[in-house]
């Protein structure tokens, strides 16, 4: 599953950017780190359910950051439509 995130040319990294894209209904798949704070993940999870966006949970923020080809952890990322 994270292979789509690695190879996608249209992706976003970060909670704010992912949330904005969800509000604009431009997200195909949303990736969330399970070890991120619940207060950060709840708005994203809520919008994903509301819009029926596929949600993939990654074990850690560090691992999600690696999938996004960045050197730091990430709480959320998205592949855009």
C-alpha atoms as a PDB file:
ATOM      1  CA  UNK A   1       0.000   0.000   0.000  1.00  0.00           C
ATOM      2  CA  UNK A   2       2.655   2.615   0.858  1.00  0.00           C
ATOM      3  CA  UNK A   3       4.150   1.973  -2.587  1.00  0.00           C
ATOM      4  CA  UNK A   4       1.429   4.224  -4.023  1.00  0.00           C
ATOM      5  CA  UNK A   5       2.659   6.958  -1.714  1.00  0.00           C
ATOM      6  CA  UNK A   6       6.296   6.496  -2.709  1.00  0.00           C
ATOM      7  CA  UNK A   7       5.742   6.571  -6.455  1.00  0.00           C
ATOM      8  CA  UNK A   8       2.919   9.099  -6.664  1.00  0.00           C
ATOM      9  CA  UNK A   9       3.746  12.387  -8.317  1.00  0.00           C
ATOM     10  CA  UNK A  10       0.702  14.047  -6.705  1.00  0.00           C
ATOM     11  CA  UNK A  11       1.128  13.717  -2.961  1.00  0.00           C
ATOM     12  CA  UNK A  12       1.062  15.913   0.108  1.00  0.00           C
ATOM     13  CA  UNK A  13       2.919  15.533   3.386  1.00  0.00           C
ATOM     14  CA  UNK A  14       1.760  17.070   6.631  1.00  0.00           C
ATOM     15  CA  UNK A  15      -1.388  17.409   8.662  1.00  0.00           C
ATOM     16  CA  UNK A  16      -2.361  20.926   7.589  1.00  0.00           C
ATOM     17  CA  UNK A  17      -1.863  20.286   3.892  1.00  0.00           C
ATOM     18  CA  UNK A  18      -3.713  16.955   4.071  1.00  0.00           C
ATOM     19  CA  UNK A  19      -6.620  18.522   5.965  1.00  0.00           C
ATOM     20  CA  UNK A  20      -6.878  21.329   3.390  1.00  0.00           C
ATOM     21  CA  UNK A  21      -6.898  18.821   0.512  1.00  0.00           C
ATOM     22  CA  UNK A  22      -9.591  16.760   2.259  1.00  0.00           C
ATOM     23  CA  UNK A  23     -11.746  19.853   2.649  1.00  0.00           C
ATOM     24  CA  UNK A  24     -11.321  20.500  -1.080  1.00  0.00           C
ATOM     25  CA  UNK A  25     -12.266  16.861  -1.829  1.00  0.00           C
ATOM     26  CA  UNK A  26      -8.987  16.253  -3.642  1.00  0.00           C
ATOM     27  CA  UNK A  27      -7.687  13.188  -1.734  1.00  0.00           C
ATOM     28  CA  UNK A  28      -7.626   9.680  -3.165  1.00  0.00           C
ATOM     29  CA  UNK A  29      -5.848   7.920  -0.260  1.00  0.00           C
ATOM     30  CA  UNK A  30      -5.021   9.298   3.184  1.00  0.00           C
ATOM     31  CA  UNK A  31      -2.102   7.886   5.205  1.00  0.00           C
ATOM     32  CA  UNK A  32      -2.079   8.393   8.980  1.00  0.00           C
ATOM     33  CA  UNK A  33       0.589   7.501  11.540  1.00  0.00           C
ATOM     34  CA  UNK A  34      -0.851   5.468  14.419  1.00  0.00           C
ATOM     35  CA  UNK A  35       1.520   6.989  16.969  1.00  0.00           C
ATOM     36  CA  UNK A  36       0.464  10.577  16.236  1.00  0.00           C
ATOM     37  CA  UNK A  37      -1.557  12.417  18.857  1.00  0.00           C
ATOM     38  CA  UNK A  38      -5.294  11.648  18.707  1.00  0.00           C
ATOM     39  CA  UNK A  39      -6.192  15.361  18.671  1.00  0.00           C
ATOM     40  CA  UNK A  40      -4.261  15.658  15.410  1.00  0.00           C
ATOM     41  CA  UNK A  41      -5.728  12.557  13.770  1.00  0.00           C
ATOM     42  CA  UNK A  42      -9.395  12.953  14.755  1.00  0.00           C
ATOM     43  CA  UNK A  43     -10.308  15.749  12.281  1.00  0.00           C
ATOM     44  CA  UNK A  44      -8.568  13.873   9.467  1.00  0.00           C
ATOM     45  CA  UNK A  45     -10.264  10.562  10.303  1.00  0.00           C
ATOM     46  CA  UNK A  46     -13.632  12.277  10.521  1.00  0.00           C
ATOM     47  CA  UNK A  47     -13.319  13.877   7.084  1.00  0.00           C
ATOM     48  CA  UNK A  48     -12.026  10.639   5.555  1.00  0.00           C
ATOM     49  CA  UNK A  49     -15.092   8.763   6.832  1.00  0.00           C
ATOM     50  CA  UNK A  50     -17.452  11.511   5.738  1.00  0.00           C
ATOM     51  CA  UNK A  51     -16.017  11.580   2.206  1.00  0.00           C
ATOM     52  CA  UNK A  52     -15.404   7.808   1.969  1.00  0.00           C
ATOM     53  CA  UNK A  53     -11.679   8.348   1.391  1.00  0.00           C
ATOM     54  CA  UNK A  54      -9.512   5.251   1.745  1.00  0.00           C
ATOM     55  CA  UNK A  55      -7.484   5.524   4.960  1.00  0.00           C
ATOM     56  CA  UNK A  56      -4.257   3.590   5.490  1.00  0.00           C
ATOM     57  CA  UNK A  57      -2.657   3.460   8.922  1.00  0.00           C
ATOM     58  CA  UNK A  58       1.135   3.352   9.189  1.00  0.00           C
ATOM     59  CA  UNK A  59       2.795   2.133  12.406  1.00  0.00           C
ATOM     60  CA  UNK A  60       4.834   5.240  13.168  1.00  0.00           C
ATOM     61  CA  UNK A  61       5.409   8.833  12.157  1.00  0.00           C
ATOM     62  CA  UNK A  62       9.046   8.043  11.412  1.00  0.00           C
ATOM     63  CA  UNK A  63       8.042   5.243   9.043  1.00  0.00           C
ATOM     64  CA  UNK A  64       5.482   7.462   7.280  1.00  0.00           C
ATOM     65  CA  UNK A  65       8.169  10.122   6.857  1.00  0.00           C
ATOM     66  CA  UNK A  66      10.431   7.564   5.199  1.00  0.00           C
ATOM     67  CA  UNK A  67       7.630   6.518   2.830  1.00  0.00           C
ATOM     68  CA  UNK A  68       7.275  10.194   1.879  1.00  0.00           C
ATOM     69  CA  UNK A  69      11.030  10.485   1.249  1.00  0.00           C
ATOM     70  CA  UNK A  70      11.601  13.033   4.025  1.00  0.00           C
ATOM     71  CA  UNK A  71      14.090  12.901   6.896  1.00  0.00           C
ATOM     72  CA  UNK A  72      11.586  13.659   9.665  1.00  0.00           C
ATOM     73  CA  UNK A  73       8.410  12.009  10.876  1.00  0.00           C
ATOM     74  CA  UNK A  74       4.980  12.824   9.468  1.00  0.00           C
ATOM     75  CA  UNK A  75       1.573  12.411  11.100  1.00  0.00           C
ATOM     76  CA  UNK A  76      -0.330  12.474   7.804  1.00  0.00           C
ATOM     77  CA  UNK A  77       0.158  12.275   4.077  1.00  0.00           C
ATOM     78  CA  UNK A  78      -2.135  11.972   1.088  1.00  0.00           C
ATOM     79  CA  UNK A  79      -2.180  10.863  -2.520  1.00  0.00           C
ATOM     80  CA  UNK A  80      -4.227  13.320  -4.544  1.00  0.00           C
ATOM     81  CA  UNK A  81      -6.810  12.591  -7.216  1.00  0.00           C
END
